[in-house]
């Protein structure tokens, strides 16, 4: 399912940077965030690409091993970027969403889990 994801490579000279691999419609979902939340998500993803932890994150073990979410708070709204950075080929962005309740919806969790399951396992490429 190679058409399920696409890669954006950004070349930096100072340090090895993993490319971002956008799964499904995750990039379009991020583009729907307000400008400040989008900018913050990009800044936090850049930190992840450089093998650093984002400022505010938590593990998402219910989705899969190594999956985390970046937590972004803008005014009275909350946004999330669910990703996997444990693979050497890049940072997989599984899903981007705006939270409307305390708990992440089952629909959003299922979508992220489906995209996680679509990541080729080592040696399958």
PDB file of N, CA and C in Angstrom:
ATOM      1  N   UNK A   1       0.837  -1.194   0.000  1.00  0.00           N
ATOM      2  CA  UNK A   1       0.000   0.000   0.000  1.00  0.00           C
ATOM      3  C   UNK A   1       0.872   1.244   0.000  1.00  0.00           C
ATOM      4  N   UNK A   2       1.769   1.350  -0.920  1.00  0.00           N
ATOM      5  CA  UNK A   2       2.695   2.466  -0.988  1.00  0.00           C
ATOM      6  C   UNK A   2       1.982   3.790  -1.235  1.00  0.00           C
ATOM      7  N   UNK A   3       0.827   3.775  -1.893  1.00  0.00           N
ATOM      8  CA  UNK A   3       0.120   5.020  -2.164  1.00  0.00           C
ATOM      9  C   UNK A   3      -0.616   5.543  -0.933  1.00  0.00           C
ATOM     10  N   UNK A   4      -0.548   4.820   0.168  1.00  0.00           N
ATOM     11  CA  UNK A   4      -1.234   5.208   1.389  1.00  0.00           C
ATOM     12  C   UNK A   4      -0.471   6.285   2.147  1.00  0.00           C
ATOM     13  N   UNK A   5       0.805   6.449   1.848  1.00  0.00           N
ATOM     14  CA  UNK A   5       1.632   7.427   2.543  1.00  0.00           C
ATOM     15  C   UNK A   5       2.542   8.123   1.533  1.00  0.00           C
ATOM     16  N   UNK A   6       2.999   9.303   1.896  1.00  0.00           N
ATOM     17  CA  UNK A   6       3.981   9.979   1.075  1.00  0.00           C
ATOM     18  C   UNK A   6       4.959  10.694   1.985  1.00  0.00           C
ATOM     19  N   UNK A   7       6.137  10.956   1.475  1.00  0.00           N
ATOM     20  CA  UNK A   7       7.234  11.476   2.275  1.00  0.00           C
ATOM     21  C   UNK A   7       7.576  12.894   1.849  1.00  0.00           C
ATOM     22  N   UNK A   8       7.877  13.724   2.849  1.00  0.00           N
ATOM     23  CA  UNK A   8       8.408  15.064   2.600  1.00  0.00           C
ATOM     24  C   UNK A   8       9.817  15.085   3.170  1.00  0.00           C
ATOM     25  N   UNK A   9      10.806  15.303   2.324  1.00  0.00           N
ATOM     26  CA  UNK A   9      12.181  15.357   2.795  1.00  0.00           C
ATOM     27  C   UNK A   9      12.618  16.807   2.899  1.00  0.00           C
ATOM     28  N   UNK A  10      13.206  17.115   4.040  1.00  0.00           N
ATOM     29  CA  UNK A  10      13.758  18.441   4.264  1.00  0.00           C
ATOM     30  C   UNK A  10      15.230  18.237   4.571  1.00  0.00           C
ATOM     31  N   UNK A  11      16.083  18.878   3.819  1.00  0.00           N
ATOM     32  CA  UNK A  11      17.519  18.723   4.016  1.00  0.00           C
ATOM     33  C   UNK A  11      18.029  19.823   4.951  1.00  0.00           C
ATOM     34  N   UNK A  12      18.716  19.412   5.989  1.00  0.00           N
ATOM     35  CA  UNK A  12      19.359  20.338   6.917  1.00  0.00           C
ATOM     36  C   UNK A  12      20.822  19.955   6.982  1.00  0.00           C
ATOM     37  N   UNK A  13      21.677  20.905   7.158  1.00  0.00           N
ATOM     38  CA  UNK A  13      23.102  20.618   7.161  1.00  0.00           C
ATOM     39  C   UNK A  13      23.647  20.334   8.547  1.00  0.00           C
ATOM     40  N   UNK A  14      22.993  20.781   9.603  1.00  0.00           N
ATOM     41  CA  UNK A  14      23.583  20.690  10.927  1.00  0.00           C
ATOM     42  C   UNK A  14      23.461  19.312  11.572  1.00  0.00           C
ATOM     43  N   UNK A  15      22.430  18.566  11.311  1.00  0.00           N
ATOM     44  CA  UNK A  15      22.199  17.299  11.986  1.00  0.00           C
ATOM     45  C   UNK A  15      21.275  16.437  11.146  1.00  0.00           C
ATOM     46  N   UNK A  16      21.435  15.131  11.248  1.00  0.00           N
ATOM     47  CA  UNK A  16      20.554  14.230  10.508  1.00  0.00           C
ATOM     48  C   UNK A  16      19.107  14.456  10.937  1.00  0.00           C
ATOM     49  N   UNK A  17      18.250  14.612   9.966  1.00  0.00           N
ATOM     50  CA  UNK A  17      16.837  14.876  10.224  1.00  0.00           C
ATOM     51  C   UNK A  17      16.024  13.808   9.518  1.00  0.00           C
ATOM     52  N   UNK A  18      15.162  13.149  10.258  1.00  0.00           N
ATOM     53  CA  UNK A  18      14.292  12.147   9.656  1.00  0.00           C
ATOM     54  C   UNK A  18      13.221  12.847   8.822  1.00  0.00           C
ATOM     55  N   UNK A  19      12.862  12.274   7.690  1.00  0.00           N
ATOM     56  CA  UNK A  19      11.756  12.852   6.928  1.00  0.00           C
ATOM     57  C   UNK A  19      10.416  12.564   7.622  1.00  0.00           C
ATOM     58  N   UNK A  20       9.431  13.384   7.337  1.00  0.00           N
ATOM     59  CA  UNK A  20       8.072  13.142   7.816  1.00  0.00           C
ATOM     60  C   UNK A  20       7.351  12.318   6.754  1.00  0.00           C
ATOM     61  N   UNK A  21       6.702  11.253   7.193  1.00  0.00           N
ATOM     62  CA  UNK A  21       5.915  10.404   6.310  1.00  0.00           C
ATOM     63  C   UNK A  21       4.463  10.559   6.732  1.00  0.00           C
ATOM     64  N   UNK A  22       3.672  11.181   5.878  1.00  0.00           N
ATOM     65  CA  UNK A  22       2.268  11.492   6.186  1.00  0.00           C
ATOM     66  C   UNK A  22       1.404  10.301   5.794  1.00  0.00           C
ATOM     67  N   UNK A  23       0.685   9.751   6.738  1.00  0.00           N
ATOM     68  CA  UNK A  23      -0.179   8.601   6.488  1.00  0.00           C
ATOM     69  C   UNK A  23      -1.598   9.086   6.194  1.00  0.00           C
ATOM     70  N   UNK A  24      -2.178   8.523   5.136  1.00  0.00           N
ATOM     71  CA  UNK A  24      -3.554   8.866   4.779  1.00  0.00           C
ATOM     72  C   UNK A  24      -3.725  10.360   4.599  1.00  0.00           C
ATOM     73  N   UNK A  25      -4.742  10.920   5.195  1.00  0.00           N
ATOM     74  CA  UNK A  25      -5.037  12.346   5.077  1.00  0.00           C
ATOM     75  C   UNK A  25      -4.502  13.178   6.225  1.00  0.00           C
ATOM     76  N   UNK A  26      -3.477  12.682   6.910  1.00  0.00           N
ATOM     77  CA  UNK A  26      -2.984  13.396   8.091  1.00  0.00           C
ATOM     78  C   UNK A  26      -2.447  14.793   7.765  1.00  0.00           C
ATOM     79  N   UNK A  27      -1.820  14.950   6.607  1.00  0.00           N
ATOM     80  CA  UNK A  27      -1.290  16.278   6.250  1.00  0.00           C
ATOM     81  C   UNK A  27      -2.428  17.266   6.004  1.00  0.00           C
ATOM     82  N   UNK A  28      -3.463  16.824   5.324  1.00  0.00           N
ATOM     83  CA  UNK A  28      -4.614  17.695   5.085  1.00  0.00           C
ATOM     84  C   UNK A  28      -5.310  18.034   6.404  1.00  0.00           C
ATOM     85  N   UNK A  29      -5.365  17.059   7.314  1.00  0.00           N
ATOM     86  CA  UNK A  29      -5.956  17.325   8.635  1.00  0.00           C
ATOM     87  C   UNK A  29      -5.173  18.414   9.356  1.00  0.00           C
ATOM     88  N   UNK A  30      -3.846  18.347   9.294  1.00  0.00           N
ATOM     89  CA  UNK A  30      -3.014  19.362   9.935  1.00  0.00           C
ATOM     90  C   UNK A  30      -3.231  20.727   9.287  1.00  0.00           C
ATOM     91  N   UNK A  31      -3.395  20.750   7.980  1.00  0.00           N
ATOM     92  CA  UNK A  31      -3.626  22.017   7.277  1.00  0.00           C
ATOM     93  C   UNK A  31      -4.937  22.682   7.704  1.00  0.00           C
ATOM     94  N   UNK A  32      -5.868  21.907   8.268  1.00  0.00           N
ATOM     95  CA  UNK A  32      -7.142  22.485   8.714  1.00  0.00           C
ATOM     96  C   UNK A  32      -7.032  23.133  10.096  1.00  0.00           C
ATOM     97  N   UNK A  33      -5.909  22.964  10.791  1.00  0.00           N
ATOM     98  CA  UNK A  33      -5.702  23.609  12.087  1.00  0.00           C
ATOM     99  C   UNK A  33      -5.611  25.121  11.880  1.00  0.00           C
ATOM    100  N   UNK A  34      -5.972  25.906  12.888  1.00  0.00           N
ATOM    101  CA  UNK A  34      -5.728  27.347  12.814  1.00  0.00           C
ATOM    102  C   UNK A  34      -4.223  27.613  12.685  1.00  0.00           C
ATOM    103  N   UNK A  35      -3.867  28.775  12.166  1.00  0.00           N
ATOM    104  CA  UNK A  35      -2.472  29.094  11.860  1.00  0.00           C
ATOM    105  C   UNK A  35      -1.537  28.894  13.053  1.00  0.00           C
ATOM    106  N   UNK A  36      -1.901  29.359  14.231  1.00  0.00           N
ATOM    107  CA  UNK A  36      -1.021  29.228  15.396  1.00  0.00           C
ATOM    108  C   UNK A  36      -0.812  27.770  15.782  1.00  0.00           C
ATOM    109  N   UNK A  37      -1.871  26.973  15.756  1.00  0.00           N
ATOM    110  CA  UNK A  37      -1.753  25.552  16.093  1.00  0.00           C
ATOM    111  C   UNK A  37      -0.940  24.812  15.028  1.00  0.00           C
ATOM    112  N   UNK A  38      -1.129  25.184  13.777  1.00  0.00           N
ATOM    113  CA  UNK A  38      -0.374  24.575  12.674  1.00  0.00           C
ATOM    114  C   UNK A  38       1.121  24.880  12.813  1.00  0.00           C
ATOM    115  N   UNK A  39       1.429  26.125  13.137  1.00  0.00           N
ATOM    116  CA  UNK A  39       2.816  26.541  13.320  1.00  0.00           C
ATOM    117  C   UNK A  39       3.450  25.789  14.502  1.00  0.00           C
ATOM    118  N   UNK A  40       2.723  25.665  15.594  1.00  0.00           N
ATOM    119  CA  UNK A  40       3.228  24.950  16.764  1.00  0.00           C
ATOM    120  C   UNK A  40       3.431  23.469  16.455  1.00  0.00           C
ATOM    121  N   UNK A  41       2.502  22.880  15.725  1.00  0.00           N
ATOM    122  CA  UNK A  41       2.643  21.473  15.329  1.00  0.00           C
ATOM    123  C   UNK A  41       3.884  21.285  14.473  1.00  0.00           C
ATOM    124  N   UNK A  42       4.124  22.191  13.549  1.00  0.00           N
ATOM    125  CA  UNK A  42       5.318  22.110  12.707  1.00  0.00           C
ATOM    126  C   UNK A  42       6.592  22.234  13.525  1.00  0.00           C
ATOM    127  N   UNK A  43       6.597  23.133  14.491  1.00  0.00           N
ATOM    128  CA  UNK A  43       7.761  23.307  15.356  1.00  0.00           C
ATOM    129  C   UNK A  43       8.019  22.030  16.165  1.00  0.00           C
ATOM    130  N   UNK A  44       6.964  21.457  16.718  1.00  0.00           N
ATOM    131  CA  UNK A  44       7.113  20.242  17.527  1.00  0.00           C
ATOM    132  C   UNK A  44       7.529  19.047  16.662  1.00  0.00           C
ATOM    133  N   UNK A  45       6.989  18.940  15.459  1.00  0.00           N
ATOM    134  CA  UNK A  45       7.407  17.859  14.553  1.00  0.00           C
ATOM    135  C   UNK A  45       8.870  18.015  14.159  1.00  0.00           C
ATOM    136  N   UNK A  46       9.326  19.234  13.996  1.00  0.00           N
ATOM    137  CA  UNK A  46      10.740  19.462  13.687  1.00  0.00           C
ATOM    138  C   UNK A  46      11.612  18.939  14.823  1.00  0.00           C
ATOM    139  N   UNK A  47      11.198  19.150  16.062  1.00  0.00           N
ATOM    140  CA  UNK A  47      11.948  18.622  17.200  1.00  0.00           C
ATOM    141  C   UNK A  47      12.009  17.096  17.143  1.00  0.00           C
ATOM    142  N   UNK A  48      10.876  16.474  16.808  1.00  0.00           N
ATOM    143  CA  UNK A  48      10.828  15.015  16.715  1.00  0.00           C
ATOM    144  C   UNK A  48      11.743  14.525  15.588  1.00  0.00           C
ATOM    145  N   UNK A  49      11.735  15.213  14.451  1.00  0.00           N
ATOM    146  CA  UNK A  49      12.596  14.842  13.333  1.00  0.00           C
ATOM    147  C   UNK A  49      14.069  14.864  13.726  1.00  0.00           C
ATOM    148  N   UNK A  50      14.419  15.705  14.674  1.00  0.00           N
ATOM    149  CA  UNK A  50      15.807  15.845  15.128  1.00  0.00           C
ATOM    150  C   UNK A  50      16.095  14.971  16.358  1.00  0.00           C
ATOM    151  N   UNK A  51      15.217  13.996  16.603  1.00  0.00           N
ATOM    152  CA  UNK A  51      15.382  13.022  17.699  1.00  0.00           C
ATOM    153  C   UNK A  51      15.241  13.648  19.084  1.00  0.00           C
ATOM    154  N   UNK A  52      14.464  14.724  19.186  1.00  0.00           N
ATOM    155  CA  UNK A  52      14.163  15.343  20.474  1.00  0.00           C
ATOM    156  C   UNK A  52      12.699  15.108  20.821  1.00  0.00           C
ATOM    157  N   UNK A  53      12.380  15.184  22.104  1.00  0.00           N
ATOM    158  CA  UNK A  53      10.987  15.069  22.523  1.00  0.00           C
ATOM    159  C   UNK A  53      10.270  16.392  22.303  1.00  0.00           C
ATOM    160  N   UNK A  54       8.993  16.322  21.909  1.00  0.00           N
ATOM    161  CA  UNK A  54       8.214  17.562  21.847  1.00  0.00           C
ATOM    162  C   UNK A  54       7.996  18.110  23.259  1.00  0.00           C
ATOM    163  N   UNK A  55       7.546  19.353  23.357  1.00  0.00           N
ATOM    164  CA  UNK A  55       7.361  19.987  24.662  1.00  0.00           C
ATOM    165  C   UNK A  55       6.279  19.307  25.498  1.00  0.00           C
ATOM    166  N   UNK A  56       5.197  18.900  24.880  1.00  0.00           N
ATOM    167  CA  UNK A  56       4.076  18.290  25.603  1.00  0.00           C
ATOM    168  C   UNK A  56       3.609  17.075  24.810  1.00  0.00           C
ATOM    169  N   UNK A  57       3.815  15.885  25.356  1.00  0.00           N
ATOM    170  CA  UNK A  57       3.456  14.661  24.649  1.00  0.00           C
ATOM    171  C   UNK A  57       3.040  13.599  25.652  1.00  0.00           C
ATOM    172  N   UNK A  58       2.406  12.565  25.125  1.00  0.00           N
ATOM    173  CA  UNK A  58       2.107  11.393  25.950  1.00  0.00           C
ATOM    174  C   UNK A  58       2.108  10.163  25.049  1.00  0.00           C
ATOM    175  N   UNK A  59       2.403   8.999  25.631  1.00  0.00           N
ATOM    176  CA  UNK A  59       2.380   7.769  24.829  1.00  0.00           C
ATOM    177  C   UNK A  59       0.953   7.375  24.480  1.00  0.00           C
ATOM    178  N   UNK A  60       0.797   6.733  23.337  1.00  0.00           N
ATOM    179  CA  UNK A  60      -0.520   6.243  22.890  1.00  0.00           C
ATOM    180  C   UNK A  60      -0.412   4.729  22.694  1.00  0.00           C
ATOM    181  N   UNK A  61      -0.180   4.008  23.779  1.00  0.00           N
ATOM    182  CA  UNK A  61       0.030   2.561  23.721  1.00  0.00           C
ATOM    183  C   UNK A  61      -1.164   1.820  23.147  1.00  0.00           C
ATOM    184  N   UNK A  62      -2.354   2.385  23.287  1.00  0.00           N
ATOM    185  CA  UNK A  62      -3.552   1.710  22.757  1.00  0.00           C
ATOM    186  C   UNK A  62      -3.517   1.621  21.233  1.00  0.00           C
ATOM    187  N   UNK A  63      -2.748   2.482  20.593  1.00  0.00           N
ATOM    188  CA  UNK A  63      -2.632   2.464  19.131  1.00  0.00           C
ATOM    189  C   UNK A  63      -1.511   1.523  18.700  1.00  0.00           C
ATOM    190  N   UNK A  64      -0.378   1.571  19.385  1.00  0.00           N
ATOM    191  CA  UNK A  64       0.734   0.703  19.033  1.00  0.00           C
ATOM    192  C   UNK A  64       1.992   1.074  19.780  1.00  0.00           C
ATOM    193  N   UNK A  65       2.936   0.161  19.795  1.00  0.00           N
ATOM    194  CA  UNK A  65       4.198   0.375  20.480  1.00  0.00           C
ATOM    195  C   UNK A  65       4.969   1.523  19.849  1.00  0.00           C
ATOM    196  N   UNK A  66       5.387   2.479  20.675  1.00  0.00           N
ATOM    197  CA  UNK A  66       6.164   3.617  20.210  1.00  0.00           C
ATOM    198  C   UNK A  66       5.341   4.791  19.710  1.00  0.00           C
ATOM    199  N   UNK A  67       4.019   4.644  19.650  1.00  0.00           N
ATOM    200  CA  UNK A  67       3.159   5.735  19.161  1.00  0.00           C
ATOM    201  C   UNK A  67       2.980   6.762  20.277  1.00  0.00           C
ATOM    202  N   UNK A  68       3.092   8.025  19.903  1.00  0.00           N
ATOM    203  CA  UNK A  68       2.935   9.142  20.836  1.00  0.00           C
ATOM    204  C   UNK A  68       1.992  10.180  20.240  1.00  0.00           C
ATOM    205  N   UNK A  69       1.557  11.097  21.088  1.00  0.00           N
ATOM    206  CA  UNK A  69       0.792  12.237  20.586  1.00  0.00           C
ATOM    207  C   UNK A  69       1.412  13.515  21.097  1.00  0.00           C
ATOM    208  N   UNK A  70       1.503  14.486  20.200  1.00  0.00           N
ATOM    209  CA  UNK A  70       1.911  15.845  20.555  1.00  0.00           C
ATOM    210  C   UNK A  70       0.638  16.557  20.986  1.00  0.00           C
ATOM    211  N   UNK A  71       0.716  17.237  22.122  1.00  0.00           N
ATOM    212  CA  UNK A  71      -0.452  17.951  22.649  1.00  0.00           C
ATOM    213  C   UNK A  71      -0.235  19.450  22.483  1.00  0.00           C
ATOM    214  N   UNK A  72      -1.170  20.083  21.784  1.00  0.00           N
ATOM    215  CA  UNK A  72      -1.088  21.512  21.495  1.00  0.00           C
ATOM    216  C   UNK A  72      -2.334  22.184  22.067  1.00  0.00           C
ATOM    217  N   UNK A  73      -2.098  23.251  22.824  1.00  0.00           N
ATOM    218  CA  UNK A  73      -3.199  24.004  23.428  1.00  0.00           C
ATOM    219  C   UNK A  73      -3.178  25.423  22.879  1.00  0.00           C
ATOM    220  N   UNK A  74      -4.263  25.835  22.264  1.00  0.00           N
ATOM    221  CA  UNK A  74      -4.421  27.181  21.715  1.00  0.00           C
ATOM    222  C   UNK A  74      -5.717  27.765  22.255  1.00  0.00           C
ATOM    223  N   UNK A  75      -5.599  28.845  22.993  1.00  0.00           N
ATOM    224  CA  UNK A  75      -6.762  29.488  23.606  1.00  0.00           C
ATOM    225  C   UNK A  75      -7.581  28.436  24.347  1.00  0.00           C
ATOM    226  N   UNK A  76      -8.816  28.213  23.981  1.00  0.00           N
ATOM    227  CA  UNK A  76      -9.644  27.224  24.678  1.00  0.00           C
ATOM    228  C   UNK A  76      -9.767  25.923  23.875  1.00  0.00           C
ATOM    229  N   UNK A  77      -8.898  25.751  22.880  1.00  0.00           N
ATOM    230  CA  UNK A  77      -8.976  24.553  22.036  1.00  0.00           C
ATOM    231  C   UNK A  77      -7.734  23.679  22.214  1.00  0.00           C
ATOM    232  N   UNK A  78      -7.913  22.397  21.908  1.00  0.00           N
ATOM    233  CA  UNK A  78      -6.807  21.440  22.015  1.00  0.00           C
ATOM    234  C   UNK A  78      -6.664  20.699  20.690  1.00  0.00           C
ATOM    235  N   UNK A  79      -5.422  20.497  20.281  1.00  0.00           N
ATOM    236  CA  UNK A  79      -5.113  19.804  19.037  1.00  0.00           C
ATOM    237  C   UNK A  79      -4.109  18.702  19.336  1.00  0.00           C
ATOM    238  N   UNK A  80      -4.155  17.643  18.520  1.00  0.00           N
ATOM    239  CA  UNK A  80      -3.259  16.517  18.711  1.00  0.00           C
ATOM    240  C   UNK A  80      -2.644  16.094  17.381  1.00  0.00           C
ATOM    241  N   UNK A  81      -1.381  15.666  17.437  1.00  0.00           N
ATOM    242  CA  UNK A  81      -0.688  15.069  16.304  1.00  0.00           C
ATOM    243  C   UNK A  81      -0.193  13.709  16.792  1.00  0.00           C
ATOM    244  N   UNK A  82      -0.739  12.642  16.234  1.00  0.00           N
ATOM    245  CA  UNK A  82      -0.371  11.286  16.636  1.00  0.00           C
ATOM    246  C   UNK A  82       0.688  10.783  15.659  1.00  0.00           C
ATOM    247  N   UNK A  83       1.802  10.292  16.204  1.00  0.00           N
ATOM    248  CA  UNK A  83       2.935   9.949  15.346  1.00  0.00           C
ATOM    249  C   UNK A  83       3.722   8.755  15.892  1.00  0.00           C
ATOM    250  N   UNK A  84       4.569   8.215  15.031  1.00  0.00           N
ATOM    251  CA  UNK A  84       5.520   7.171  15.387  1.00  0.00           C
ATOM    252  C   UNK A  84       6.886   7.609  14.888  1.00  0.00           C
ATOM    253  N   UNK A  85       7.850   7.739  15.799  1.00  0.00           N
ATOM    254  CA  UNK A  85       9.194   8.181  15.414  1.00  0.00           C
ATOM    255  C   UNK A  85      10.237   7.091  15.634  1.00  0.00           C
ATOM    256  N   UNK A  86       9.828   5.916  16.056  1.00  0.00           N
ATOM    257  CA  UNK A  86      10.767   4.851  16.423  1.00  0.00           C
ATOM    258  C   UNK A  86      11.380   4.142  15.225  1.00  0.00           C
ATOM    259  N   UNK A  87      10.898   4.411  14.046  1.00  0.00           N
ATOM    260  CA  UNK A  87      11.414   3.738  12.850  1.00  0.00           C
ATOM    261  C   UNK A  87      12.535   4.569  12.231  1.00  0.00           C
ATOM    262  N   UNK A  88      13.578   3.920  11.707  1.00  0.00           N
ATOM    263  CA  UNK A  88      14.724   4.674  11.186  1.00  0.00           C
ATOM    264  C   UNK A  88      14.428   5.446   9.901  1.00  0.00           C
ATOM    265  N   UNK A  89      13.421   5.013   9.129  1.00  0.00           N
ATOM    266  CA  UNK A  89      13.175   5.655   7.832  1.00  0.00           C
ATOM    267  C   UNK A  89      12.462   6.995   7.931  1.00  0.00           C
ATOM    268  N   UNK A  90      11.865   7.308   9.069  1.00  0.00           N
ATOM    269  CA  UNK A  90      11.210   8.597   9.186  1.00  0.00           C
ATOM    270  C   UNK A  90      10.243   8.674  10.347  1.00  0.00           C
ATOM    271  N   UNK A  91       9.605   9.835  10.456  1.00  0.00           N
ATOM    272  CA  UNK A  91       8.571  10.082  11.457  1.00  0.00           C
ATOM    273  C   UNK A  91       7.231   9.907  10.756  1.00  0.00           C
ATOM    274  N   UNK A  92       6.485   8.905  11.149  1.00  0.00           N
ATOM    275  CA  UNK A  92       5.174   8.648  10.563  1.00  0.00           C
ATOM    276  C   UNK A  92       4.124   9.464  11.313  1.00  0.00           C
ATOM    277  N   UNK A  93       3.448  10.377  10.612  1.00  0.00           N
ATOM    278  CA  UNK A  93       2.333  11.107  11.208  1.00  0.00           C
ATOM    279  C   UNK A  93       1.074  10.326  10.858  1.00  0.00           C
ATOM    280  N   UNK A  94       0.449   9.767  11.889  1.00  0.00           N
ATOM    281  CA  UNK A  94      -0.696   8.890  11.696  1.00  0.00           C
ATOM    282  C   UNK A  94      -2.008   9.659  11.594  1.00  0.00           C
ATOM    283  N   UNK A  95      -2.161  10.701  12.412  1.00  0.00           N
ATOM    284  CA  UNK A  95      -3.431  11.414  12.439  1.00  0.00           C
ATOM    285  C   UNK A  95      -3.241  12.754  13.128  1.00  0.00           C
ATOM    286  N   UNK A  96      -3.961  13.766  12.690  1.00  0.00           N
ATOM    287  CA  UNK A  96      -3.991  15.091  13.305  1.00  0.00           C
ATOM    288  C   UNK A  96      -5.448  15.427  13.579  1.00  0.00           C
ATOM    289  N   UNK A  97      -5.737  15.944  14.761  1.00  0.00           N
ATOM    290  CA  UNK A  97      -7.137  16.187  15.111  1.00  0.00           C
ATOM    291  C   UNK A  97      -7.283  17.327  16.097  1.00  0.00           C
ATOM    292  N   UNK A  98      -8.473  17.887  16.118  1.00  0.00           N
ATOM    293  CA  UNK A  98      -8.848  18.846  17.151  1.00  0.00           C
ATOM    294  C   UNK A  98      -9.679  18.092  18.160  1.00  0.00           C
ATOM    295  N   UNK A  99      -9.322  18.204  19.428  1.00  0.00           N
ATOM    296  CA  UNK A  99     -10.087  17.535  20.473  1.00  0.00           C
ATOM    297  C   UNK A  99     -11.265  18.414  20.858  1.00  0.00           C
ATOM    298  N   UNK A 100     -12.411  17.774  20.965  1.00  0.00           N
ATOM    299  CA  UNK A 100     -13.617  18.516  21.344  1.00  0.00           C
ATOM    300  C   UNK A 100     -14.124  18.080  22.715  1.00  0.00           C
ATOM    301  N   UNK A 101     -13.587  16.967  23.216  1.00  0.00           N
ATOM    302  CA  UNK A 101     -13.934  16.473  24.550  1.00  0.00           C
ATOM    303  C   UNK A 101     -12.650  16.061  25.256  1.00  0.00           C
ATOM    304  N   UNK A 102     -12.753  15.726  26.545  1.00  0.00           N
ATOM    305  CA  UNK A 102     -11.586  15.283  27.302  1.00  0.00           C
ATOM    306  C   UNK A 102     -10.964  14.033  26.710  1.00  0.00           C
ATOM    307  N   UNK A 103     -11.802  13.103  26.296  1.00  0.00           N
ATOM    308  CA  UNK A 103     -11.343  11.813  25.803  1.00  0.00           C
ATOM    309  C   UNK A 103     -11.259  11.835  24.275  1.00  0.00           C
ATOM    310  N   UNK A 104     -10.205  11.231  23.734  1.00  0.00           N
ATOM    311  CA  UNK A 104     -10.076  11.125  22.275  1.00  0.00           C
ATOM    312  C   UNK A 104     -11.141  10.162  21.765  1.00  0.00           C
ATOM    313  N   UNK A 105     -11.818  10.531  20.694  1.00  0.00           N
ATOM    314  CA  UNK A 105     -12.924   9.718  20.182  1.00  0.00           C
ATOM    315  C   UNK A 105     -12.432   8.368  19.666  1.00  0.00           C
ATOM    316  N   UNK A 106     -13.295   7.371  19.761  1.00  0.00           N
ATOM    317  CA  UNK A 106     -12.970   6.033  19.254  1.00  0.00           C
ATOM    318  C   UNK A 106     -12.698   6.079  17.753  1.00  0.00           C
ATOM    319  N   UNK A 107     -13.405   6.927  17.034  1.00  0.00           N
ATOM    320  CA  UNK A 107     -13.188   7.064  15.591  1.00  0.00           C
ATOM    321  C   UNK A 107     -11.759   7.499  15.305  1.00  0.00           C
ATOM    322  N   UNK A 108     -11.281   8.510  16.041  1.00  0.00           N
ATOM    323  CA  UNK A 108      -9.911   8.996  15.844  1.00  0.00           C
ATOM    324  C   UNK A 108      -8.884   7.935  16.232  1.00  0.00           C
ATOM    325  N   UNK A 109      -9.122   7.221  17.324  1.00  0.00           N
ATOM    326  CA  UNK A 109      -8.203   6.162  17.746  1.00  0.00           C
ATOM    327  C   UNK A 109      -8.155   5.032  16.721  1.00  0.00           C
ATOM    328  N   UNK A 110      -9.330   4.646  16.200  1.00  0.00           N
ATOM    329  CA  UNK A 110      -9.371   3.575  15.188  1.00  0.00           C
ATOM    330  C   UNK A 110      -8.637   3.990  13.917  1.00  0.00           C
ATOM    331  N   UNK A 111      -8.825   5.229  13.501  1.00  0.00           N
ATOM    332  CA  UNK A 111      -8.159   5.715  12.289  1.00  0.00           C
ATOM    333  C   UNK A 111      -6.640   5.692  12.467  1.00  0.00           C
ATOM    334  N   UNK A 112      -6.151   6.175  13.603  1.00  0.00           N
ATOM    335  CA  UNK A 112      -4.708   6.156  13.868  1.00  0.00           C
ATOM    336  C   UNK A 112      -4.188   4.716  13.915  1.00  0.00           C
ATOM    337  N   UNK A 113      -4.945   3.815  14.532  1.00  0.00           N
ATOM    338  CA  UNK A 113      -4.528   2.408  14.618  1.00  0.00           C
ATOM    339  C   UNK A 113      -4.496   1.761  13.239  1.00  0.00           C
ATOM    340  N   UNK A 114      -5.451   2.089  12.392  1.00  0.00           N
ATOM    341  CA  UNK A 114      -5.477   1.559  11.025  1.00  0.00           C
ATOM    342  C   UNK A 114      -4.253   2.027  10.244  1.00  0.00           C
ATOM    343  N   UNK A 115      -3.911   3.288  10.379  1.00  0.00           N
ATOM    344  CA  UNK A 115      -2.743   3.823   9.685  1.00  0.00           C
ATOM    345  C   UNK A 115      -1.450   3.238  10.266  1.00  0.00           C
ATOM    346  N   UNK A 116      -1.413   3.026  11.574  1.00  0.00           N
ATOM    347  CA  UNK A 116      -0.254   2.389  12.189  1.00  0.00           C
ATOM    348  C   UNK A 116      -0.063   0.981  11.626  1.00  0.00           C
ATOM    349  N   UNK A 117      -1.152   0.247  11.488  1.00  0.00           N
ATOM    350  CA  UNK A 117      -1.086  -1.122  10.966  1.00  0.00           C
ATOM    351  C   UNK A 117      -0.615  -1.151   9.511  1.00  0.00           C
ATOM    352  N   UNK A 118      -0.795  -0.052   8.779  1.00  0.00           N
ATOM    353  CA  UNK A 118      -0.397   0.008   7.368  1.00  0.00           C
ATOM    354  C   UNK A 118       1.089   0.314   7.169  1.00  0.00           C
ATOM    355  N   UNK A 119       1.795   0.657   8.237  1.00  0.00           N
ATOM    356  CA  UNK A 119       3.238   0.930   8.120  1.00  0.00           C
ATOM    357  C   UNK A 119       3.947  -0.381   7.823  1.00  0.00           C
ATOM    358  N   UNK A 120       4.746  -0.421   6.756  1.00  0.00           N
ATOM    359  CA  UNK A 120       5.470  -1.662   6.431  1.00  0.00           C
ATOM    360  C   UNK A 120       6.396  -2.045   7.590  1.00  0.00           C
ATOM    361  N   UNK A 121       6.381  -3.310   7.934  1.00  0.00           N
ATOM    362  CA  UNK A 121       7.290  -3.803   8.976  1.00  0.00           C
ATOM    363  C   UNK A 121       8.694  -3.907   8.396  1.00  0.00           C
ATOM    364  N   UNK A 122       9.660  -3.918   9.263  1.00  0.00           N
ATOM    365  CA  UNK A 122      11.058  -4.003   8.810  1.00  0.00           C
ATOM    366  C   UNK A 122      11.226  -5.196   7.887  1.00  0.00           C
ATOM    367  N   UNK A 123      11.873  -4.957   6.766  1.00  0.00           N
ATOM    368  CA  UNK A 123      12.124  -6.019   5.794  1.00  0.00           C
ATOM    369  C   UNK A 123      11.019  -6.206   4.769  1.00  0.00           C
ATOM    370  N   UNK A 124       9.881  -5.500   4.902  1.00  0.00           N
ATOM    371  CA  UNK A 124       8.756  -5.638   3.959  1.00  0.00           C
ATOM    372  C   UNK A 124       8.855  -4.687   2.790  1.00  0.00           C
ATOM    373  N   UNK A 125       9.680  -3.675   2.865  1.00  0.00           N
ATOM    374  CA  UNK A 125       9.733  -2.663   1.818  1.00  0.00           C
ATOM    375  C   UNK A 125      10.189  -3.310   0.597  1.00  0.00           C
TER     376      UNK A 125
END
